[in-house]
Amino acid sequence: MTLLSLAERTKEALVDENFLRGDPITGDRYYAKEFMEKEWEHMWTRTWHVGGTVAQLPEPGCVITAEVRNESIIMVRGDDNSIRAFYNVCQHRGNRMVQCEETKVKRLVCNYHSWCYGLNGSLLIAKDSEDFPQGSPVGKANLKELRCETFGGLVWFNMDPKAKSLRDSLGIVADQLEAYEMDKMVRVMYLTGEVDCNWKVIQDNFNEAYHVQSLHKELGTFIDDHYQNTAFEVFRNGHSRMLMKGALPAGNGKSKKVQAPLDCGFHGHLATHSMSIWPPIPR
């Protein structure tokens, strides 16, 4: 059997030429509550999310949280060294278990009635457990667990118990990301920006480089933003990829010399942007 190269497998995974219809996107996709609910039901609750980095959970008891709409998720390194994800909800009265983005604990304790859970989500202690008429909740009313996997140095979770595995969901994108050896990288900066707009406005911005010469002129000496030199790939599994050549001046830029601070110690040759558009939103 002939083993195909990554480039050959990538080409086989692409959609047919006539896949993209090119019809206009209607405005209701940006402002209609009905469409937002469809996105929540058919996409956000069924796709894999990045919750943080594996490096944030170096030892048992380390906890990180992630927010998706009104849902709060906790990811925990357990005593058995595995990483699990749970809804950040005490099973007694629905109180948030962890109130911060990152912490370390011996046990997960609700600050409302002091119910105590193990790092594996099992309820260990409930005060006055013998007084519950339906029987002691200990070992029964455990934290609700979600699908959780690690890949590329990242911790992923999925709210859909029937979802494909992370590897199967990513498909060819997983093979492409492995080439970057992200699990060997170290995060040196973490920034969060909040913008009062529909999430698709941000995604639209990252899907084009037409604005680069207007808003990011300094990148003109570092990224070739010309569309004819950019690769746009859409895969049959719903993922897509935009590849721009980096570490060289833009083909239509005025300056041909990389300027500070982008001229210091960077040896890369490719800038990538990936996005997921799967599962599809019902029409």
Protein backbone atom coordinates (compact mmCIF):
# COMPACT_ATOMS: atom_id res chain seq x y z
CA MET A 1 0.00 0.00 0.00
CA THR A 2 1.32 3.43 -0.95
CA LEU A 3 1.48 5.96 1.89
CA LEU A 4 0.25 9.35 0.75
CA SER A 5 2.10 12.49 1.77
CA LEU A 6 0.39 15.15 3.87
CA ALA A 7 0.06 17.34 0.76
CA GLU A 8 -1.62 14.52 -1.15
CA ARG A 9 -4.00 13.71 1.72
CA THR A 10 -4.82 17.40 2.07
CA LYS A 11 -5.70 17.60 -1.62
CA GLU A 12 -7.94 14.52 -1.37
CA ALA A 13 -9.78 16.04 1.62
CA LEU A 14 -10.75 19.25 -0.22
CA VAL A 15 -14.32 19.89 -1.35
CA ASP A 16 -15.30 19.85 -5.01
CA GLU A 17 -14.86 23.04 -7.03
CA ASN A 18 -18.62 23.72 -7.13
CA PHE A 19 -19.13 23.37 -3.35
CA LEU A 20 -19.14 27.09 -2.58
CA ARG A 21 -22.39 28.64 -3.85
CA GLY A 22 -21.35 32.26 -3.55
CA ASP A 23 -24.84 33.54 -2.67
CA PRO A 24 -25.13 36.50 -0.26
CA ILE A 25 -25.22 35.93 3.51
CA THR A 26 -28.42 37.45 4.90
CA GLY A 27 -28.25 39.92 7.77
CA ASP A 28 -30.45 37.86 10.08
CA ARG A 29 -27.51 35.53 10.67
CA TYR A 30 -25.92 38.37 12.60
CA TYR A 31 -28.84 39.78 14.58
CA ALA A 32 -31.75 37.28 14.73
CA LYS A 33 -32.25 35.54 18.09
CA GLU A 34 -33.84 32.62 16.26
CA PHE A 35 -30.69 32.03 14.24
CA MET A 36 -28.55 32.41 17.37
CA GLU A 37 -30.57 29.64 19.03
CA LYS A 38 -30.02 27.40 15.99
CA GLU A 39 -26.29 28.01 16.26
CA TRP A 40 -26.37 27.08 19.93
CA GLU A 41 -28.42 23.93 19.39
CA HIS A 42 -26.69 22.66 16.25
CA MET A 43 -23.14 24.00 16.51
CA TRP A 44 -21.81 25.35 19.81
CA THR A 45 -23.15 22.45 21.88
CA ARG A 46 -21.91 19.87 19.37
CA THR A 47 -18.41 20.96 18.49
CA TRP A 48 -15.03 20.62 20.20
CA HIS A 49 -13.88 23.70 22.13
CA VAL A 50 -10.39 24.63 23.32
CA GLY A 51 -10.62 25.08 27.09
CA GLY A 52 -6.98 25.87 27.83
CA THR A 53 -3.49 24.43 27.65
CA VAL A 54 -2.18 21.20 29.10
CA ALA A 55 0.64 23.24 30.65
CA GLN A 56 -1.96 24.94 32.89
CA LEU A 57 -2.69 21.56 34.49
CA PRO A 58 0.79 20.32 35.44
CA GLU A 59 -0.20 18.27 38.50
CA PRO A 60 -3.23 16.82 40.33
CA GLY A 61 -5.58 19.47 41.69
CA CYS A 62 -4.90 22.05 38.99
CA VAL A 63 -8.14 23.48 37.60
CA ILE A 64 -9.02 25.78 34.71
CA THR A 65 -12.42 27.11 33.63
CA ALA A 66 -13.96 28.10 30.30
CA GLU A 67 -17.16 29.94 29.47
CA VAL A 68 -19.41 29.14 26.48
CA ARG A 69 -22.49 31.35 26.46
CA ASN A 70 -24.18 30.64 29.81
CA GLU A 71 -22.31 27.41 30.40
CA SER A 72 -19.24 27.24 32.62
CA ILE A 73 -16.87 24.29 32.27
CA ILE A 74 -14.11 23.16 34.62
CA MET A 75 -11.16 21.03 33.50
CA VAL A 76 -9.29 19.21 36.27
CA ARG A 77 -6.09 17.18 36.53
CA GLY A 78 -7.10 14.20 38.70
CA ASP A 79 -5.26 12.11 41.25
CA ASP A 80 -4.79 9.48 38.52
CA ASN A 81 -3.11 12.19 36.37
CA SER A 82 -5.91 12.17 33.79
CA ILE A 83 -7.68 15.37 32.71
CA ARG A 84 -11.47 15.50 32.97
CA ALA A 85 -14.08 18.15 32.19
CA PHE A 86 -17.26 18.84 34.18
CA TYR A 87 -20.04 21.36 34.12
CA ASN A 88 -19.10 23.96 36.74
CA VAL A 89 -22.31 23.29 38.65
CA CYS A 90 -22.83 21.79 42.10
CA GLN A 91 -25.44 19.04 41.83
CA HIS A 92 -27.20 20.24 44.99
CA ARG A 93 -28.50 23.73 44.18
CA GLY A 94 -26.69 24.60 40.95
CA ASN A 95 -24.06 26.89 42.48
CA ARG A 96 -20.84 27.59 40.55
CA MET A 97 -18.06 25.42 41.97
CA VAL A 98 -15.04 27.41 40.77
CA GLN A 99 -15.27 31.20 40.49
CA CYS A 100 -11.91 31.98 38.83
CA GLU A 101 -10.13 31.12 35.57
CA GLU A 102 -7.33 29.08 37.12
CA THR A 103 -6.62 27.59 40.56
CA LYS A 104 -5.30 24.56 42.44
CA VAL A 105 -7.32 22.59 44.99
CA LYS A 106 -7.23 19.35 46.96
CA ARG A 107 -10.93 18.78 46.43
CA LEU A 108 -13.74 20.64 44.66
CA VAL A 109 -15.87 22.25 47.38
CA CYS A 110 -19.06 24.23 46.81
CA ASN A 111 -19.03 27.42 48.86
CA TYR A 112 -22.83 27.40 49.32
CA HIS A 113 -23.42 24.23 51.39
CA SER A 114 -19.89 22.77 51.41
CA TRP A 115 -20.64 19.74 49.30
CA CYS A 116 -17.23 18.21 48.56
CA TYR A 117 -16.31 16.42 45.34
CA GLY A 118 -13.20 14.46 44.47
CA LEU A 119 -11.02 15.45 41.52
CA ASN A 120 -12.78 12.71 39.55
CA GLY A 121 -16.15 14.45 40.11
CA SER A 122 -17.48 11.97 42.66
CA LEU A 123 -19.42 13.43 45.61
CA LEU A 124 -17.43 12.62 48.76
CA ILE A 125 -19.13 14.65 51.47
CA ALA A 126 -22.61 16.17 51.87
CA LYS A 127 -23.34 17.66 55.26
CA ASP A 128 -26.15 15.91 57.12
CA SER A 129 -26.40 13.37 54.32
CA GLU A 130 -28.49 11.08 56.54
CA ASP A 131 -31.26 13.68 56.63
CA PHE A 132 -32.06 13.49 52.91
CA PRO A 133 -35.41 11.60 52.66
CA GLN A 134 -34.43 10.12 49.28
CA GLY A 135 -31.24 8.70 50.73
CA SER A 136 -27.67 9.90 51.02
CA PRO A 137 -26.47 11.65 47.82
CA VAL A 138 -22.83 10.74 48.51
CA GLY A 139 -21.34 8.82 45.60
CA LYS A 140 -24.53 9.37 43.61
CA ALA A 141 -25.02 13.10 42.91
CA ASN A 142 -21.67 13.43 41.15
CA LEU A 143 -20.55 16.30 38.93
CA LYS A 144 -21.80 15.99 35.36
CA GLU A 145 -18.86 15.02 33.15
CA LEU A 146 -18.27 16.11 29.53
CA ARG A 147 -16.16 14.64 26.76
CA CYS A 148 -12.58 15.81 27.23
CA GLU A 149 -9.42 15.13 25.19
CA THR A 150 -5.97 16.63 24.77
CA PHE A 151 -4.23 17.36 21.48
CA GLY A 152 -1.51 19.73 20.37
CA GLY A 153 -0.75 20.82 23.92
CA LEU A 154 -4.39 21.96 24.32
CA VAL A 155 -7.32 20.73 26.44
CA TRP A 156 -10.53 20.26 24.46
CA PHE A 157 -14.11 19.59 25.60
CA ASN A 158 -17.38 18.78 23.88
CA MET A 159 -20.90 19.09 25.32
CA ASP A 160 -22.29 16.47 22.92
CA PRO A 161 -21.91 12.93 24.34
CA LYS A 162 -22.51 11.52 20.84
CA ALA A 163 -19.89 13.65 19.08
CA LYS A 164 -17.08 12.13 17.09
CA SER A 165 -13.72 11.83 18.79
CA LEU A 166 -11.56 14.93 18.56
CA ARG A 167 -9.21 13.26 16.08
CA ASP A 168 -12.07 12.14 13.84
CA SER A 169 -13.67 15.59 14.04
CA LEU A 170 -10.50 17.43 13.05
CA GLY A 171 -9.61 14.93 10.32
CA ILE A 172 -6.89 16.20 8.00
CA VAL A 173 -6.56 19.36 10.13
CA ALA A 174 -5.12 17.23 12.95
CA ASP A 175 -2.42 15.93 10.61
CA GLN A 176 -1.62 19.46 9.51
CA LEU A 177 -1.41 20.78 13.09
CA GLU A 178 0.86 17.93 14.16
CA ALA A 179 3.50 19.26 11.78
CA TYR A 180 3.82 22.36 14.00
CA GLU A 181 4.59 20.26 17.14
CA MET A 182 2.41 22.57 19.23
CA ASP A 183 2.76 20.34 22.28
CA LYS A 184 6.40 21.46 22.46
CA MET A 185 5.54 25.17 22.35
CA VAL A 186 5.41 27.44 25.40
CA ARG A 187 2.73 30.12 25.78
CA VAL A 188 4.41 33.40 26.64
CA MET A 189 1.45 35.77 26.39
CA TYR A 190 -2.27 35.41 27.02
CA LEU A 191 -4.64 38.23 26.11
CA THR A 192 -8.43 38.41 26.05
CA GLY A 193 -10.28 41.05 24.08
CA GLU A 194 -14.01 41.58 24.45
CA VAL A 195 -15.88 43.12 21.52
CA ASP A 196 -19.58 43.97 21.60
CA CYS A 197 -20.60 42.29 18.35
CA ASN A 198 -21.73 39.00 16.87
CA TRP A 199 -18.92 36.41 16.90
CA LYS A 200 -19.12 36.14 13.08
CA VAL A 201 -17.96 39.75 12.69
CA ILE A 202 -14.61 38.74 14.22
CA GLN A 203 -14.48 35.61 12.09
CA ASP A 204 -15.22 37.62 8.95
CA ASN A 205 -12.28 39.88 9.78
CA PHE A 206 -9.87 36.97 10.08
CA ASN A 207 -11.10 35.46 6.82
CA GLU A 208 -9.73 38.30 4.70
CA ALA A 209 -6.53 40.30 4.43
CA TYR A 210 -8.02 43.19 2.43
CA HIS A 211 -7.81 45.40 5.53
CA VAL A 212 -4.16 44.66 6.37
CA GLN A 213 -2.62 47.52 4.40
CA SER A 214 -5.08 49.95 6.02
CA LEU A 215 -5.02 48.82 9.65
CA HIS A 216 -1.79 46.83 10.00
CA LYS A 217 0.70 48.59 7.78
CA GLU A 218 3.60 47.26 9.83
CA LEU A 219 2.74 43.76 8.61
CA GLY A 220 3.35 44.80 5.02
CA THR A 221 7.03 44.01 5.48
CA PHE A 222 6.36 40.67 7.12
CA ILE A 223 3.29 39.02 5.56
CA ASP A 224 2.38 38.69 1.90
CA ASP A 225 -1.33 39.51 2.09
CA HIS A 226 -2.01 39.43 -1.65
CA TYR A 227 -4.90 37.05 -2.32
CA GLN A 228 -3.24 35.56 -5.38
CA ASN A 229 -0.39 34.36 -3.17
CA THR A 230 -2.74 33.08 -0.45
CA ALA A 231 -4.16 29.55 -0.28
CA PHE A 232 -7.82 29.09 0.68
CA GLU A 233 -8.78 25.51 1.49
CA VAL A 234 -12.21 24.14 2.44
CA PHE A 235 -12.42 20.51 3.51
CA ARG A 236 -15.29 18.07 3.23
CA ASN A 237 -15.44 17.60 7.01
CA GLY A 238 -16.42 21.27 7.47
CA HIS A 239 -13.06 22.76 8.47
CA SER A 240 -11.21 25.33 6.40
CA ARG A 241 -7.76 26.82 6.24
CA MET A 242 -6.26 30.09 5.00
CA LEU A 243 -2.48 30.10 4.40
CA MET A 244 -0.51 33.30 3.99
CA LYS A 245 3.22 33.46 3.33
CA GLY A 246 5.10 35.07 6.19
CA ALA A 247 8.59 36.29 7.09
CA LEU A 248 8.86 38.12 3.79
CA PRO A 249 7.59 41.47 2.46
CA ALA A 250 4.18 41.70 0.85
CA GLY A 251 4.27 41.49 -2.92
CA ASN A 252 2.44 44.80 -3.30
CA GLY A 253 4.15 46.54 -0.36
CA LYS A 254 6.40 49.57 -0.72
CA SER A 255 9.16 48.43 1.61
CA LYS A 256 11.07 45.21 0.94
CA LYS A 257 12.83 45.09 4.33
CA VAL A 258 11.30 43.56 7.44
CA GLN A 259 11.06 46.29 10.07
CA ALA A 260 11.30 46.26 13.86
CA PRO A 261 10.00 44.68 15.98
CA LEU A 262 9.24 41.89 13.53
CA ASP A 263 12.87 41.54 12.41
CA CYS A 264 14.10 39.98 15.67
CA GLY A 265 14.73 36.28 15.90
CA PHE A 266 11.80 34.89 13.89
CA HIS A 267 12.62 31.97 11.63
CA GLY A 268 9.15 30.85 10.61
CA HIS A 269 7.98 30.83 7.02
CA LEU A 270 4.23 30.40 7.16
CA ALA A 271 1.36 32.08 8.96
CA THR A 272 -1.84 30.08 9.20
CA HIS A 273 -5.41 30.71 10.20
CA SER A 274 -7.90 27.90 10.63
CA MET A 275 -11.58 27.93 11.40
CA SER A 276 -14.35 25.43 11.89
CA ILE A 277 -17.71 25.71 10.12
CA TRP A 278 -19.11 22.35 11.21
CA PRO A 279 -21.72 21.14 12.02
CA PRO A 280 -23.73 23.08 9.43
CA ILE A 281 -26.46 25.45 10.54
CA PRO A 282 -29.93 24.31 9.37
CA ARG A 283 -31.44 26.56 6.73
